[in-house]
Amino acid sequence: MTRTPFETGRLLQWLGEVLRTADGVDVDVVVVNQPDSRSSVQITLRGIPDPLGGLEVRPRETD
């Protein structure tokens, strides 16, 4: 599977804003640790106002 790096700064800024300002947003965080491998994190948000609350994340520009 090919993975595209995204603008993590914008994603984290948006996530922080949603969690600070939105009432009633449910957050589930699942961390999957793989021995001798990289771990994965899945974040599920429910009850976000508007379609994705205005999130626009695009692939990170490469140099």
C-alpha atoms as a PDB file:
ATOM      1  CA  MET A   1       0.000   0.000   0.000  1.00  0.00           C
ATOM      2  CA  THR A   2       1.327   3.444  -0.915  1.00  0.00           C
ATOM      3  CA  ARG A   3       0.997   6.124   1.749  1.00  0.00           C
ATOM      4  CA  THR A   4       1.124   9.832   1.024  1.00  0.00           C
ATOM      5  CA  PRO A   5       2.542  12.166   3.689  1.00  0.00           C
ATOM      6  CA  PHE A   6       0.057  14.924   4.491  1.00  0.00           C
ATOM      7  CA  GLU A   7       0.433  18.324   6.063  1.00  0.00           C
ATOM      8  CA  THR A   8       0.476  17.106   9.648  1.00  0.00           C
ATOM      9  CA  GLY A   9       0.698  20.618  11.069  1.00  0.00           C
ATOM     10  CA  ARG A  10      -2.599  21.635   9.461  1.00  0.00           C
ATOM     11  CA  LEU A  11      -4.261  18.389  10.512  1.00  0.00           C
ATOM     12  CA  LEU A  12      -3.182  18.779  14.145  1.00  0.00           C
ATOM     13  CA  GLN A  13      -4.192  22.445  14.168  1.00  0.00           C
ATOM     14  CA  TRP A  14      -7.663  21.532  12.870  1.00  0.00           C
ATOM     15  CA  LEU A  15      -8.017  18.677  15.349  1.00  0.00           C
ATOM     16  CA  GLY A  16      -7.068  20.944  18.238  1.00  0.00           C
ATOM     17  CA  GLU A  17      -9.569  23.582  17.105  1.00  0.00           C
ATOM     18  CA  VAL A  18     -12.390  21.032  16.806  1.00  0.00           C
ATOM     19  CA  LEU A  19     -11.690  19.636  20.259  1.00  0.00           C
ATOM     20  CA  ARG A  20     -11.484  23.110  21.843  1.00  0.00           C
ATOM     21  CA  THR A  21     -14.605  24.617  20.295  1.00  0.00           C
ATOM     22  CA  ALA A  22     -17.080  21.844  19.505  1.00  0.00           C
ATOM     23  CA  ASP A  23     -19.504  20.662  22.151  1.00  0.00           C
ATOM     24  CA  GLY A  24     -20.523  17.046  21.954  1.00  0.00           C
ATOM     25  CA  VAL A  25     -17.673  15.701  19.795  1.00  0.00           C
ATOM     26  CA  ASP A  26     -16.850  12.120  20.755  1.00  0.00           C
ATOM     27  CA  VAL A  27     -13.242  11.027  20.318  1.00  0.00           C
ATOM     28  CA  ASP A  28     -11.977   7.440  20.183  1.00  0.00           C
ATOM     29  CA  VAL A  29      -8.224   6.855  19.957  1.00  0.00           C
ATOM     30  CA  VAL A  30      -6.908   3.373  19.216  1.00  0.00           C
ATOM     31  CA  VAL A  31      -3.167   2.664  19.337  1.00  0.00           C
ATOM     32  CA  VAL A  32      -1.969  -0.570  17.791  1.00  0.00           C
ATOM     33  CA  ASN A  33       1.528  -1.520  18.894  1.00  0.00           C
ATOM     34  CA  GLN A  34       3.356  -3.989  16.719  1.00  0.00           C
ATOM     35  CA  PRO A  35       6.359  -5.648  18.395  1.00  0.00           C
ATOM     36  CA  ASP A  36       9.526  -4.939  16.395  1.00  0.00           C
ATOM     37  CA  SER A  37       7.552  -2.727  14.004  1.00  0.00           C
ATOM     38  CA  ARG A  38       5.967   0.690  13.693  1.00  0.00           C
ATOM     39  CA  SER A  39       2.784   1.452  15.604  1.00  0.00           C
ATOM     40  CA  SER A  40      -0.487   2.781  14.222  1.00  0.00           C
ATOM     41  CA  VAL A  41      -2.949   5.276  15.663  1.00  0.00           C
ATOM     42  CA  GLN A  42      -6.572   5.549  14.593  1.00  0.00           C
ATOM     43  CA  ILE A  43      -8.561   8.610  15.679  1.00  0.00           C
ATOM     44  CA  THR A  44     -12.333   8.524  15.214  1.00  0.00           C
ATOM     45  CA  LEU A  45     -14.372  11.702  15.728  1.00  0.00           C
ATOM     46  CA  ARG A  46     -18.169  11.723  15.930  1.00  0.00           C
ATOM     47  CA  GLY A  47     -20.430  14.761  16.020  1.00  0.00           C
ATOM     48  CA  ILE A  48     -18.187  17.206  14.148  1.00  0.00           C
ATOM     49  CA  PRO A  49     -20.093  20.331  13.076  1.00  0.00           C
ATOM     50  CA  ASP A  50     -20.317  20.813   9.303  1.00  0.00           C
ATOM     51  CA  PRO A  51     -18.879  18.340   6.803  1.00  0.00           C
ATOM     52  CA  LEU A  52     -15.536  17.583   8.443  1.00  0.00           C
ATOM     53  CA  GLY A  53     -15.640  20.987  10.111  1.00  0.00           C
ATOM     54  CA  GLY A  54     -13.846  22.657   7.201  1.00  0.00           C
ATOM     55  CA  LEU A  55     -10.870  20.267   7.113  1.00  0.00           C
ATOM     56  CA  GLU A  56      -8.772  20.631   3.983  1.00  0.00           C
ATOM     57  CA  VAL A  57      -5.529  18.660   4.069  1.00  0.00           C
ATOM     58  CA  ARG A  58      -3.476  18.183   0.968  1.00  0.00           C
ATOM     59  CA  PRO A  59      -0.354  16.130   0.289  1.00  0.00           C
ATOM     60  CA  ARG A  60       2.811  17.692   1.656  1.00  0.00           C
ATOM     61  CA  GLU A  61       4.953  19.439  -0.916  1.00  0.00           C
ATOM     62  CA  THR A  62       8.302  17.804  -1.498  1.00  0.00           C
ATOM     63  CA  ASP A  63      11.514  19.741  -2.013  1.00  0.00           C
END
